[in-house]
């Protein structure tokens, strides 16, 4: 704990040929994560990624990057992203905790 979060290059991500990509940036809520992704990779690369995989953004601050009582909620959110039949089942998808990359970008402040 307390160490730097590992990063992955855009090309390494593409080379792994994922079906689903879930961004859960440590310490960032959904809209801040989308802003960081836009600033790091740019909208063109993110749109290109969407042609190759289904892409979601999760609130890494509230869910995935916190151990303890939110572990179950985190698993539910990831399940909603991975399994289309579960989308919305646990009530996370389409909220400030989990949404598509497009929705996160639309909510993100620009600049």
PDB file of N, CA and C in Angstrom:
ATOM      1  N   UNK A   1       0.833  -1.182   0.000  1.00  0.00           N
ATOM      2  CA  UNK A   1       0.000   0.000   0.000  1.00  0.00           C
ATOM      3  C   UNK A   1       0.872   1.238   0.000  1.00  0.00           C
ATOM      4  N   UNK A   2       0.338   2.320  -0.519  1.00  0.00           N
ATOM      5  CA  UNK A   2       1.058   3.566  -0.561  1.00  0.00           C
ATOM      6  C   UNK A   2       2.003   3.702  -1.734  1.00  0.00           C
ATOM      7  N   UNK A   3       2.137   2.661  -2.542  1.00  0.00           N
ATOM      8  CA  UNK A   3       3.027   2.728  -3.692  1.00  0.00           C
ATOM      9  C   UNK A   3       2.346   3.361  -4.892  1.00  0.00           C
ATOM     10  N   UNK A   4       3.135   3.650  -5.881  1.00  0.00           N
ATOM     11  CA  UNK A   4       2.600   4.220  -7.116  1.00  0.00           C
ATOM     12  C   UNK A   4       1.761   3.182  -7.854  1.00  0.00           C
ATOM     13  N   UNK A   5       0.699   3.648  -8.444  1.00  0.00           N
ATOM     14  CA  UNK A   5      -0.155   2.782  -9.240  1.00  0.00           C
ATOM     15  C   UNK A   5       0.545   2.480 -10.560  1.00  0.00           C
ATOM     16  N   UNK A   6       0.631   1.214 -10.946  1.00  0.00           N
ATOM     17  CA  UNK A   6       1.271   0.914 -12.225  1.00  0.00           C
ATOM     18  C   UNK A   6       0.442   1.497 -13.370  1.00  0.00           C
ATOM     19  N   UNK A   7       1.118   1.859 -14.432  1.00  0.00           N
ATOM     20  CA  UNK A   7       0.403   2.374 -15.593  1.00  0.00           C
ATOM     21  C   UNK A   7       0.662   1.462 -16.779  1.00  0.00           C
ATOM     22  N   UNK A   8      -0.194   1.583 -17.766  1.00  0.00           N
ATOM     23  CA  UNK A   8      -0.068   0.778 -18.976  1.00  0.00           C
ATOM     24  C   UNK A   8      -0.161   1.738 -20.158  1.00  0.00           C
ATOM     25  N   UNK A   9       0.633   1.486 -21.156  1.00  0.00           N
ATOM     26  CA  UNK A   9       0.585   2.345 -22.331  1.00  0.00           C
ATOM     27  C   UNK A   9      -0.643   1.998 -23.170  1.00  0.00           C
ATOM     28  N   UNK A  10      -1.032   2.945 -23.957  1.00  0.00           N
ATOM     29  CA  UNK A  10      -2.169   2.741 -24.858  1.00  0.00           C
ATOM     30  C   UNK A  10      -1.893   1.552 -25.773  1.00  0.00           C
ATOM     31  N   UNK A  11      -0.695   1.495 -26.340  1.00  0.00           N
ATOM     32  CA  UNK A  11      -0.359   0.409 -27.259  1.00  0.00           C
ATOM     33  C   UNK A  11      -0.367  -0.948 -26.554  1.00  0.00           C
ATOM     34  N   UNK A  12       0.138  -1.002 -25.324  1.00  0.00           N
ATOM     35  CA  UNK A  12       0.118  -2.264 -24.569  1.00  0.00           C
ATOM     36  C   UNK A  12      -1.314  -2.726 -24.334  1.00  0.00           C
ATOM     37  N   UNK A  13      -2.196  -1.774 -24.054  1.00  0.00           N
ATOM     38  CA  UNK A  13      -3.599  -2.117 -23.861  1.00  0.00           C
ATOM     39  C   UNK A  13      -4.189  -2.680 -25.153  1.00  0.00           C
ATOM     40  N   UNK A  14      -3.938  -2.015 -26.268  1.00  0.00           N
ATOM     41  CA  UNK A  14      -4.439  -2.519 -27.556  1.00  0.00           C
ATOM     42  C   UNK A  14      -3.867  -3.885 -27.890  1.00  0.00           C
ATOM     43  N   UNK A  15      -2.584  -4.069 -27.630  1.00  0.00           N
ATOM     44  CA  UNK A  15      -1.925  -5.340 -27.934  1.00  0.00           C
ATOM     45  C   UNK A  15      -2.510  -6.505 -27.140  1.00  0.00           C
ATOM     46  N   UNK A  16      -3.094  -6.205 -25.980  1.00  0.00           N
ATOM     47  CA  UNK A  16      -3.684  -7.275 -25.166  1.00  0.00           C
ATOM     48  C   UNK A  16      -5.039  -7.735 -25.695  1.00  0.00           C
ATOM     49  N   UNK A  17      -5.591  -7.015 -26.679  1.00  0.00           N
ATOM     50  CA  UNK A  17      -6.859  -7.360 -27.353  1.00  0.00           C
ATOM     51  C   UNK A  17      -8.000  -7.646 -26.369  1.00  0.00           C
ATOM     52  N   UNK A  18      -8.296  -6.702 -25.484  1.00  0.00           N
ATOM     53  CA  UNK A  18      -9.362  -6.941 -24.505  1.00  0.00           C
ATOM     54  C   UNK A  18     -10.755  -6.879 -25.134  1.00  0.00           C
ATOM     55  N   UNK A  19     -11.679  -7.596 -24.548  1.00  0.00           N
ATOM     56  CA  UNK A  19     -13.092  -7.483 -24.929  1.00  0.00           C
ATOM     57  C   UNK A  19     -13.740  -6.332 -24.174  1.00  0.00           C
ATOM     58  N   UNK A  20     -13.332  -6.182 -22.909  1.00  0.00           N
ATOM     59  CA  UNK A  20     -13.873  -5.146 -22.024  1.00  0.00           C
ATOM     60  C   UNK A  20     -12.709  -4.450 -21.334  1.00  0.00           C
ATOM     61  N   UNK A  21     -12.794  -3.125 -21.248  1.00  0.00           N
ATOM     62  CA  UNK A  21     -11.819  -2.342 -20.493  1.00  0.00           C
ATOM     63  C   UNK A  21     -12.587  -1.561 -19.435  1.00  0.00           C
ATOM     64  N   UNK A  22     -12.131  -1.670 -18.202  1.00  0.00           N
ATOM     65  CA  UNK A  22     -12.754  -0.934 -17.099  1.00  0.00           C
ATOM     66  C   UNK A  22     -11.681  -0.045 -16.487  1.00  0.00           C
ATOM     67  N   UNK A  23     -11.848   1.256 -16.646  1.00  0.00           N
ATOM     68  CA  UNK A  23     -10.926   2.201 -16.029  1.00  0.00           C
ATOM     69  C   UNK A  23     -11.433   2.536 -14.634  1.00  0.00           C
ATOM     70  N   UNK A  24     -10.582   2.354 -13.638  1.00  0.00           N
ATOM     71  CA  UNK A  24     -10.895   2.701 -12.252  1.00  0.00           C
ATOM     72  C   UNK A  24      -9.665   3.397 -11.684  1.00  0.00           C
ATOM     73  N   UNK A  25      -9.526   4.659 -12.015  1.00  0.00           N
ATOM     74  CA  UNK A  25      -8.328   5.394 -11.631  1.00  0.00           C
ATOM     75  C   UNK A  25      -8.306   5.650 -10.132  1.00  0.00           C
ATOM     76  N   UNK A  26      -7.203   5.282  -9.522  1.00  0.00           N
ATOM     77  CA  UNK A  26      -7.042   5.377  -8.081  1.00  0.00           C
ATOM     78  C   UNK A  26      -7.188   6.813  -7.593  1.00  0.00           C
ATOM     79  N   UNK A  27      -8.095   7.015  -6.655  1.00  0.00           N
ATOM     80  CA  UNK A  27      -8.284   8.315  -6.036  1.00  0.00           C
ATOM     81  C   UNK A  27      -9.191   9.262  -6.794  1.00  0.00           C
ATOM     82  N   UNK A  28      -9.692   8.835  -7.956  1.00  0.00           N
ATOM     83  CA  UNK A  28     -10.513   9.718  -8.771  1.00  0.00           C
ATOM     84  C   UNK A  28     -11.932   9.195  -8.901  1.00  0.00           C
ATOM     85  N   UNK A  29     -12.886  10.100  -8.800  1.00  0.00           N
ATOM     86  CA  UNK A  29     -14.267   9.782  -9.116  1.00  0.00           C
ATOM     87  C   UNK A  29     -14.416   9.625 -10.620  1.00  0.00           C
ATOM     88  N   UNK A  30     -15.615   9.320 -11.037  1.00  0.00           N
ATOM     89  CA  UNK A  30     -15.893   9.014 -12.432  1.00  0.00           C
ATOM     90  C   UNK A  30     -15.549  10.158 -13.380  1.00  0.00           C
ATOM     91  N   UNK A  31     -16.014  11.360 -13.115  1.00  0.00           N
ATOM     92  CA  UNK A  31     -15.781  12.465 -14.045  1.00  0.00           C
ATOM     93  C   UNK A  31     -14.316  12.892 -14.057  1.00  0.00           C
ATOM     94  N   UNK A  32     -13.664  12.869 -12.901  1.00  0.00           N
ATOM     95  CA  UNK A  32     -12.236  13.214 -12.868  1.00  0.00           C
ATOM     96  C   UNK A  32     -11.432  12.163 -13.623  1.00  0.00           C
ATOM     97  N   UNK A  33     -11.810  10.899 -13.493  1.00  0.00           N
ATOM     98  CA  UNK A  33     -11.123   9.835 -14.224  1.00  0.00           C
ATOM     99  C   UNK A  33     -11.265  10.054 -15.731  1.00  0.00           C
ATOM    100  N   UNK A  34     -12.466  10.403 -16.182  1.00  0.00           N
ATOM    101  CA  UNK A  34     -12.679  10.659 -17.610  1.00  0.00           C
ATOM    102  C   UNK A  34     -11.823  11.833 -18.076  1.00  0.00           C
ATOM    103  N   UNK A  35     -11.730  12.881 -17.270  1.00  0.00           N
ATOM    104  CA  UNK A  35     -10.885  14.035 -17.615  1.00  0.00           C
ATOM    105  C   UNK A  35      -9.423  13.627 -17.723  1.00  0.00           C
ATOM    106  N   UNK A  36      -8.969  12.814 -16.782  1.00  0.00           N
ATOM    107  CA  UNK A  36      -7.580  12.347 -16.803  1.00  0.00           C
ATOM    108  C   UNK A  36      -7.300  11.487 -18.030  1.00  0.00           C
ATOM    109  N   UNK A  37      -8.250  10.634 -18.386  1.00  0.00           N
ATOM    110  CA  UNK A  37      -8.093   9.803 -19.585  1.00  0.00           C
ATOM    111  C   UNK A  37      -8.020  10.668 -20.838  1.00  0.00           C
ATOM    112  N   UNK A  38      -8.887  11.666 -20.918  1.00  0.00           N
ATOM    113  CA  UNK A  38      -8.858  12.581 -22.063  1.00  0.00           C
ATOM    114  C   UNK A  38      -7.531  13.319 -22.148  1.00  0.00           C
ATOM    115  N   UNK A  39      -7.040  13.780 -21.007  1.00  0.00           N
ATOM    116  CA  UNK A  39      -5.771  14.515 -20.984  1.00  0.00           C
ATOM    117  C   UNK A  39      -4.581  13.616 -21.298  1.00  0.00           C
ATOM    118  N   UNK A  40      -4.644  12.353 -20.881  1.00  0.00           N
ATOM    119  CA  UNK A  40      -3.517  11.436 -21.070  1.00  0.00           C
ATOM    120  C   UNK A  40      -3.482  10.833 -22.477  1.00  0.00           C
ATOM    121  N   UNK A  41      -4.623  10.347 -22.941  1.00  0.00           N
ATOM    122  CA  UNK A  41      -4.658   9.612 -24.200  1.00  0.00           C
ATOM    123  C   UNK A  41      -5.339  10.379 -25.321  1.00  0.00           C
ATOM    124  N   UNK A  42      -6.183  11.321 -24.989  1.00  0.00           N
ATOM    125  CA  UNK A  42      -6.883  12.091 -26.011  1.00  0.00           C
ATOM    126  C   UNK A  42      -8.146  11.388 -26.482  1.00  0.00           C
ATOM    127  N   UNK A  43      -9.071  12.191 -26.941  1.00  0.00           N
ATOM    128  CA  UNK A  43     -10.366  11.656 -27.362  1.00  0.00           C
ATOM    129  C   UNK A  43     -10.240  10.716 -28.555  1.00  0.00           C
ATOM    130  N   UNK A  44      -9.349  11.010 -29.485  1.00  0.00           N
ATOM    131  CA  UNK A  44      -9.204  10.170 -30.674  1.00  0.00           C
ATOM    132  C   UNK A  44      -8.764   8.754 -30.304  1.00  0.00           C
ATOM    133  N   UNK A  45      -7.770   8.638 -29.424  1.00  0.00           N
ATOM    134  CA  UNK A  45      -7.321   7.303 -29.019  1.00  0.00           C
ATOM    135  C   UNK A  45      -8.399   6.571 -28.224  1.00  0.00           C
ATOM    136  N   UNK A  46      -9.117   7.289 -27.380  1.00  0.00           N
ATOM    137  CA  UNK A  46     -10.184   6.645 -26.610  1.00  0.00           C
ATOM    138  C   UNK A  46     -11.299   6.155 -27.534  1.00  0.00           C
ATOM    139  N   UNK A  47     -11.631   6.935 -28.546  1.00  0.00           N
ATOM    140  CA  UNK A  47     -12.653   6.510 -29.520  1.00  0.00           C
ATOM    141  C   UNK A  47     -12.167   5.287 -30.292  1.00  0.00           C
ATOM    142  N   UNK A  48     -10.876   5.268 -30.624  1.00  0.00           N
ATOM    143  CA  UNK A  48     -10.306   4.118 -31.314  1.00  0.00           C
ATOM    144  C   UNK A  48     -10.376   2.873 -30.433  1.00  0.00           C
ATOM    145  N   UNK A  49     -10.091   3.037 -29.153  1.00  0.00           N
ATOM    146  CA  UNK A  49     -10.194   1.922 -28.214  1.00  0.00           C
ATOM    147  C   UNK A  49     -11.610   1.371 -28.174  1.00  0.00           C
ATOM    148  N   UNK A  50     -12.590   2.251 -28.239  1.00  0.00           N
ATOM    149  CA  UNK A  50     -13.989   1.814 -28.204  1.00  0.00           C
ATOM    150  C   UNK A  50     -14.376   0.975 -29.425  1.00  0.00           C
ATOM    151  N   UNK A  51     -13.646   1.109 -30.509  1.00  0.00           N
ATOM    152  CA  UNK A  51     -13.907   0.286 -31.695  1.00  0.00           C
ATOM    153  C   UNK A  51     -13.419  -1.145 -31.480  1.00  0.00           C
ATOM    154  N   UNK A  52     -12.526  -1.322 -30.514  1.00  0.00           N
ATOM    155  CA  UNK A  52     -11.908  -2.625 -30.277  1.00  0.00           C
ATOM    156  C   UNK A  52     -12.393  -3.327 -29.009  1.00  0.00           C
ATOM    157  N   UNK A  53     -12.994  -2.560 -28.104  1.00  0.00           N
ATOM    158  CA  UNK A  53     -13.443  -3.123 -26.823  1.00  0.00           C
ATOM    159  C   UNK A  53     -14.597  -2.291 -26.283  1.00  0.00           C
ATOM    160  N   UNK A  54     -15.362  -2.885 -25.400  1.00  0.00           N
ATOM    161  CA  UNK A  54     -16.385  -2.149 -24.676  1.00  0.00           C
ATOM    162  C   UNK A  54     -15.686  -1.497 -23.489  1.00  0.00           C
ATOM    163  N   UNK A  55     -15.877  -0.184 -23.324  1.00  0.00           N
ATOM    164  CA  UNK A  55     -15.091   0.565 -22.349  1.00  0.00           C
ATOM    165  C   UNK A  55     -15.999   1.226 -21.316  1.00  0.00           C
ATOM    166  N   UNK A  56     -15.642   1.041 -20.048  1.00  0.00           N
ATOM    167  CA  UNK A  56     -16.383   1.610 -18.929  1.00  0.00           C
ATOM    168  C   UNK A  56     -15.442   2.390 -18.035  1.00  0.00           C
ATOM    169  N   UNK A  57     -16.029   3.286 -17.258  1.00  0.00           N
ATOM    170  CA  UNK A  57     -15.290   4.000 -16.227  1.00  0.00           C
ATOM    171  C   UNK A  57     -16.001   3.748 -14.903  1.00  0.00           C
ATOM    172  N   UNK A  58     -15.233   3.390 -13.889  1.00  0.00           N
ATOM    173  CA  UNK A  58     -15.759   3.126 -12.557  1.00  0.00           C
ATOM    174  C   UNK A  58     -15.189   4.187 -11.611  1.00  0.00           C
ATOM    175  N   UNK A  59     -15.955   4.574 -10.634  1.00  0.00           N
ATOM    176  CA  UNK A  59     -15.471   5.497  -9.613  1.00  0.00           C
ATOM    177  C   UNK A  59     -14.439   4.760  -8.761  1.00  0.00           C
ATOM    178  N   UNK A  60     -13.170   4.962  -9.101  1.00  0.00           N
ATOM    179  CA  UNK A  60     -12.091   4.284  -8.392  1.00  0.00           C
ATOM    180  C   UNK A  60     -11.916   4.783  -6.971  1.00  0.00           C
ATOM    181  N   UNK A  61     -12.324   6.000  -6.724  1.00  0.00           N
ATOM    182  CA  UNK A  61     -12.191   6.567  -5.383  1.00  0.00           C
ATOM    183  C   UNK A  61     -13.170   5.917  -4.416  1.00  0.00           C
ATOM    184  N   UNK A  62     -14.413   5.771  -4.830  1.00  0.00           N
ATOM    185  CA  UNK A  62     -15.444   5.224  -3.951  1.00  0.00           C
ATOM    186  C   UNK A  62     -15.446   3.698  -3.937  1.00  0.00           C
ATOM    187  N   UNK A  63     -15.213   3.093  -5.099  1.00  0.00           N
ATOM    188  CA  UNK A  63     -15.364   1.645  -5.188  1.00  0.00           C
ATOM    189  C   UNK A  63     -14.043   0.881  -5.242  1.00  0.00           C
ATOM    190  N   UNK A  64     -13.582   0.594  -6.405  1.00  0.00           N
ATOM    191  CA  UNK A  64     -12.573  -0.427  -6.667  1.00  0.00           C
ATOM    192  C   UNK A  64     -11.280  -0.284  -5.869  1.00  0.00           C
ATOM    193  N   UNK A  65     -10.841   0.926  -5.628  1.00  0.00           N
ATOM    194  CA  UNK A  65      -9.543   1.104  -4.988  1.00  0.00           C
ATOM    195  C   UNK A  65      -9.601   1.214  -3.473  1.00  0.00           C
ATOM    196  N   UNK A  66     -10.711   0.827  -2.898  1.00  0.00           N
ATOM    197  CA  UNK A  66     -10.849   0.830  -1.438  1.00  0.00           C
ATOM    198  C   UNK A  66     -11.217  -0.576  -0.979  1.00  0.00           C
ATOM    199  N   UNK A  67     -10.421  -1.104  -0.115  1.00  0.00           N
ATOM    200  CA  UNK A  67     -10.753  -2.426   0.410  1.00  0.00           C
ATOM    201  C   UNK A  67     -11.778  -2.269   1.532  1.00  0.00           C
ATOM    202  N   UNK A  68     -12.275  -3.372   1.997  1.00  0.00           N
ATOM    203  CA  UNK A  68     -13.216  -3.331   3.116  1.00  0.00           C
ATOM    204  C   UNK A  68     -14.642  -3.502   2.665  1.00  0.00           C
ATOM    205  N   UNK A  69     -15.551  -2.753   3.278  1.00  0.00           N
ATOM    206  CA  UNK A  69     -16.977  -2.976   3.044  1.00  0.00           C
ATOM    207  C   UNK A  69     -17.421  -2.737   1.607  1.00  0.00           C
ATOM    208  N   UNK A  70     -16.648  -1.997   0.834  1.00  0.00           N
ATOM    209  CA  UNK A  70     -17.059  -1.716  -0.549  1.00  0.00           C
ATOM    210  C   UNK A  70     -16.601  -2.796  -1.531  1.00  0.00           C
ATOM    211  N   UNK A  71     -15.960  -3.819  -1.041  1.00  0.00           N
ATOM    212  CA  UNK A  71     -15.486  -4.898  -1.895  1.00  0.00           C
ATOM    213  C   UNK A  71     -16.640  -5.542  -2.659  1.00  0.00           C
ATOM    214  N   UNK A  72     -17.740  -5.802  -1.975  1.00  0.00           N
ATOM    215  CA  UNK A  72     -18.902  -6.410  -2.616  1.00  0.00           C
ATOM    216  C   UNK A  72     -19.473  -5.482  -3.682  1.00  0.00           C
ATOM    217  N   UNK A  73     -19.610  -4.193  -3.348  1.00  0.00           N
ATOM    218  CA  UNK A  73     -20.111  -3.226  -4.330  1.00  0.00           C
ATOM    219  C   UNK A  73     -19.201  -3.150  -5.545  1.00  0.00           C
ATOM    220  N   UNK A  74     -17.913  -3.196  -5.318  1.00  0.00           N
ATOM    221  CA  UNK A  74     -16.956  -3.151  -6.423  1.00  0.00           C
ATOM    222  C   UNK A  74     -17.138  -4.355  -7.336  1.00  0.00           C
ATOM    223  N   UNK A  75     -17.279  -5.530  -6.759  1.00  0.00           N
ATOM    224  CA  UNK A  75     -17.492  -6.750  -7.542  1.00  0.00           C
ATOM    225  C   UNK A  75     -18.793  -6.664  -8.329  1.00  0.00           C
ATOM    226  N   UNK A  76     -19.826  -6.104  -7.716  1.00  0.00           N
ATOM    227  CA  UNK A  76     -21.106  -5.942  -8.417  1.00  0.00           C
ATOM    228  C   UNK A  76     -20.957  -5.007  -9.613  1.00  0.00           C
ATOM    229  N   UNK A  77     -20.269  -3.889  -9.426  1.00  0.00           N
ATOM    230  CA  UNK A  77     -20.077  -2.923 -10.513  1.00  0.00           C
ATOM    231  C   UNK A  77     -19.289  -3.559 -11.656  1.00  0.00           C
ATOM    232  N   UNK A  78     -18.243  -4.294 -11.332  1.00  0.00           N
ATOM    233  CA  UNK A  78     -17.448  -4.956 -12.366  1.00  0.00           C
ATOM    234  C   UNK A  78     -18.281  -6.014 -13.081  1.00  0.00           C
ATOM    235  N   UNK A  79     -19.092  -6.748 -12.333  1.00  0.00           N
ATOM    236  CA  UNK A  79     -19.968  -7.755 -12.948  1.00  0.00           C
ATOM    237  C   UNK A  79     -20.942  -7.101 -13.924  1.00  0.00           C
ATOM    238  N   UNK A  80     -21.476  -5.940 -13.555  1.00  0.00           N
ATOM    239  CA  UNK A  80     -22.393  -5.223 -14.463  1.00  0.00           C
ATOM    240  C   UNK A  80     -21.689  -4.802 -15.745  1.00  0.00           C
ATOM    241  N   UNK A  81     -20.424  -4.452 -15.650  1.00  0.00           N
ATOM    242  CA  UNK A  81     -19.675  -4.044 -16.833  1.00  0.00           C
ATOM    243  C   UNK A  81     -19.315  -5.236 -17.716  1.00  0.00           C
ATOM    244  N   UNK A  82     -18.959  -6.336 -17.114  1.00  0.00           N
ATOM    245  CA  UNK A  82     -18.494  -7.498 -17.871  1.00  0.00           C
ATOM    246  C   UNK A  82     -19.650  -8.312 -18.457  1.00  0.00           C
ATOM    247  N   UNK A  83     -20.719  -8.472 -17.705  1.00  0.00           N
ATOM    248  CA  UNK A  83     -21.830  -9.331 -18.117  1.00  0.00           C
ATOM    249  C   UNK A  83     -23.036  -8.473 -18.480  1.00  0.00           C
ATOM    250  N   UNK A  84     -23.325  -8.394 -19.762  1.00  0.00           N
ATOM    251  CA  UNK A  84     -24.405  -7.525 -20.233  1.00  0.00           C
ATOM    252  C   UNK A  84     -25.752  -7.890 -19.597  1.00  0.00           C
ATOM    253  N   UNK A  85     -25.956  -9.163 -19.286  1.00  0.00           N
ATOM    254  CA  UNK A  85     -27.219  -9.589 -18.665  1.00  0.00           C
ATOM    255  C   UNK A  85     -27.380  -9.030 -17.253  1.00  0.00           C
ATOM    256  N   UNK A  86     -26.296  -8.613 -16.633  1.00  0.00           N
ATOM    257  CA  UNK A  86     -26.352  -8.054 -15.277  1.00  0.00           C
ATOM    258  C   UNK A  86     -26.382  -6.529 -15.267  1.00  0.00           C
ATOM    259  N   UNK A  87     -26.284  -5.911 -16.450  1.00  0.00           N
ATOM    260  CA  UNK A  87     -26.231  -4.451 -16.528  1.00  0.00           C
ATOM    261  C   UNK A  87     -27.446  -3.848 -15.830  1.00  0.00           C
ATOM    262  N   UNK A  88     -27.203  -3.080 -14.795  1.00  0.00           N
ATOM    263  CA  UNK A  88     -28.265  -2.445 -14.021  1.00  0.00           C
ATOM    264  C   UNK A  88     -28.825  -3.300 -12.904  1.00  0.00           C
ATOM    265  N   UNK A  89     -28.486  -4.577 -12.878  1.00  0.00           N
ATOM    266  CA  UNK A  89     -29.045  -5.492 -11.868  1.00  0.00           C
ATOM    267  C   UNK A  89     -28.724  -5.045 -10.441  1.00  0.00           C
ATOM    268  N   UNK A  90     -27.515  -4.580 -10.213  1.00  0.00           N
ATOM    269  CA  UNK A  90     -27.110  -4.169  -8.871  1.00  0.00           C
ATOM    270  C   UNK A  90     -27.279  -2.670  -8.641  1.00  0.00           C
ATOM    271  N   UNK A  91     -27.706  -1.971  -9.675  1.00  0.00           N
ATOM    272  CA  UNK A  91     -27.994  -0.549  -9.539  1.00  0.00           C
ATOM    273  C   UNK A  91     -26.805   0.390  -9.676  1.00  0.00           C
ATOM    274  N   UNK A  92     -25.671  -0.103 -10.194  1.00  0.00           N
ATOM    275  CA  UNK A  92     -24.498   0.757 -10.343  1.00  0.00           C
ATOM    276  C   UNK A  92     -24.395   1.368 -11.738  1.00  0.00           C
ATOM    277  N   UNK A  93     -24.754   0.592 -12.765  1.00  0.00           N
ATOM    278  CA  UNK A  93     -24.580   1.058 -14.139  1.00  0.00           C
ATOM    279  C   UNK A  93     -25.472   2.269 -14.422  1.00  0.00           C
ATOM    280  N   UNK A  94     -24.869   3.268 -15.051  1.00  0.00           N
ATOM    281  CA  UNK A  94     -25.605   4.477 -15.388  1.00  0.00           C
ATOM    282  C   UNK A  94     -25.668   5.488 -14.256  1.00  0.00           C
ATOM    283  N   UNK A  95     -24.888   5.238 -13.205  1.00  0.00           N
ATOM    284  CA  UNK A  95     -24.835   6.166 -12.070  1.00  0.00           C
ATOM    285  C   UNK A  95     -23.453   6.811 -12.025  1.00  0.00           C
ATOM    286  N   UNK A  96     -23.199   7.568 -10.988  1.00  0.00           N
ATOM    287  CA  UNK A  96     -21.882   8.173 -10.805  1.00  0.00           C
ATOM    288  C   UNK A  96     -20.830   7.160 -10.380  1.00  0.00           C
ATOM    289  N   UNK A  97     -21.205   5.890 -10.276  1.00  0.00           N
ATOM    290  CA  UNK A  97     -20.254   4.851  -9.886  1.00  0.00           C
ATOM    291  C   UNK A  97     -19.770   4.007 -11.057  1.00  0.00           C
ATOM    292  N   UNK A  98     -20.573   3.872 -12.112  1.00  0.00           N
ATOM    293  CA  UNK A  98     -20.212   3.058 -13.274  1.00  0.00           C
ATOM    294  C   UNK A  98     -20.998   3.543 -14.488  1.00  0.00           C
ATOM    295  N   UNK A  99     -20.277   3.836 -15.564  1.00  0.00           N
ATOM    296  CA  UNK A  99     -20.971   4.180 -16.807  1.00  0.00           C
ATOM    297  C   UNK A  99     -20.050   3.902 -17.985  1.00  0.00           C
ATOM    298  N   UNK A 100     -20.612   4.026 -19.161  1.00  0.00           N
ATOM    299  CA  UNK A 100     -19.821   3.851 -20.372  1.00  0.00           C
ATOM    300  C   UNK A 100     -18.807   4.982 -20.481  1.00  0.00           C
ATOM    301  N   UNK A 101     -17.775   4.757 -21.257  1.00  0.00           N
ATOM    302  CA  UNK A 101     -16.785   5.800 -21.485  1.00  0.00           C
ATOM    303  C   UNK A 101     -17.443   7.030 -22.092  1.00  0.00           C
ATOM    304  N   UNK A 102     -18.358   6.835 -23.046  1.00  0.00           N
ATOM    305  CA  UNK A 102     -19.054   7.973 -23.667  1.00  0.00           C
ATOM    306  C   UNK A 102     -19.767   8.816 -22.628  1.00  0.00           C
ATOM    307  N   UNK A 103     -20.498   8.170 -21.736  1.00  0.00           N
ATOM    308  CA  UNK A 103     -21.226   8.913 -20.708  1.00  0.00           C
ATOM    309  C   UNK A 103     -20.269   9.637 -19.762  1.00  0.00           C
ATOM    310  N   UNK A 104     -19.177   8.980 -19.416  1.00  0.00           N
ATOM    311  CA  UNK A 104     -18.188   9.608 -18.525  1.00  0.00           C
ATOM    312  C   UNK A 104     -17.557  10.822 -19.198  1.00  0.00           C
ATOM    313  N   UNK A 105     -17.233  10.702 -20.484  1.00  0.00           N
ATOM    314  CA  UNK A 105     -16.660  11.840 -21.210  1.00  0.00           C
ATOM    315  C   UNK A 105     -17.654  12.990 -21.276  1.00  0.00           C
ATOM    316  N   UNK A 106     -18.919  12.667 -21.496  1.00  0.00           N
ATOM    317  CA  UNK A 106     -19.946  13.718 -21.560  1.00  0.00           C
ATOM    318  C   UNK A 106     -20.112  14.431 -20.233  1.00  0.00           C
ATOM    319  N   UNK A 107     -19.863  13.745 -19.130  1.00  0.00           N
ATOM    320  CA  UNK A 107     -19.983  14.347 -17.807  1.00  0.00           C
ATOM    321  C   UNK A 107     -18.719  15.083 -17.370  1.00  0.00           C
ATOM    322  N   UNK A 108     -17.592  14.765 -18.021  1.00  0.00           N
ATOM    323  CA  UNK A 108     -16.298  15.297 -17.590  1.00  0.00           C
ATOM    324  C   UNK A 108     -16.155  16.767 -17.949  1.00  0.00           C
ATOM    325  N   UNK A 109     -15.607  17.538 -17.027  1.00  0.00           N
ATOM    326  CA  UNK A 109     -15.295  18.929 -17.371  1.00  0.00           C
ATOM    327  C   UNK A 109     -14.150  18.976 -18.368  1.00  0.00           C
ATOM    328  N   UNK A 110     -14.221  19.885 -19.302  1.00  0.00           N
ATOM    329  CA  UNK A 110     -13.171  20.019 -20.326  1.00  0.00           C
ATOM    330  C   UNK A 110     -12.186  21.102 -19.929  1.00  0.00           C
ATOM    331  N   UNK A 111     -10.962  20.947 -20.446  1.00  0.00           N
ATOM    332  CA  UNK A 111      -9.978  21.997 -20.253  1.00  0.00           C
ATOM    333  C   UNK A 111      -9.027  21.652 -19.237  1.00  0.00           C
TER     334      UNK A 111
END
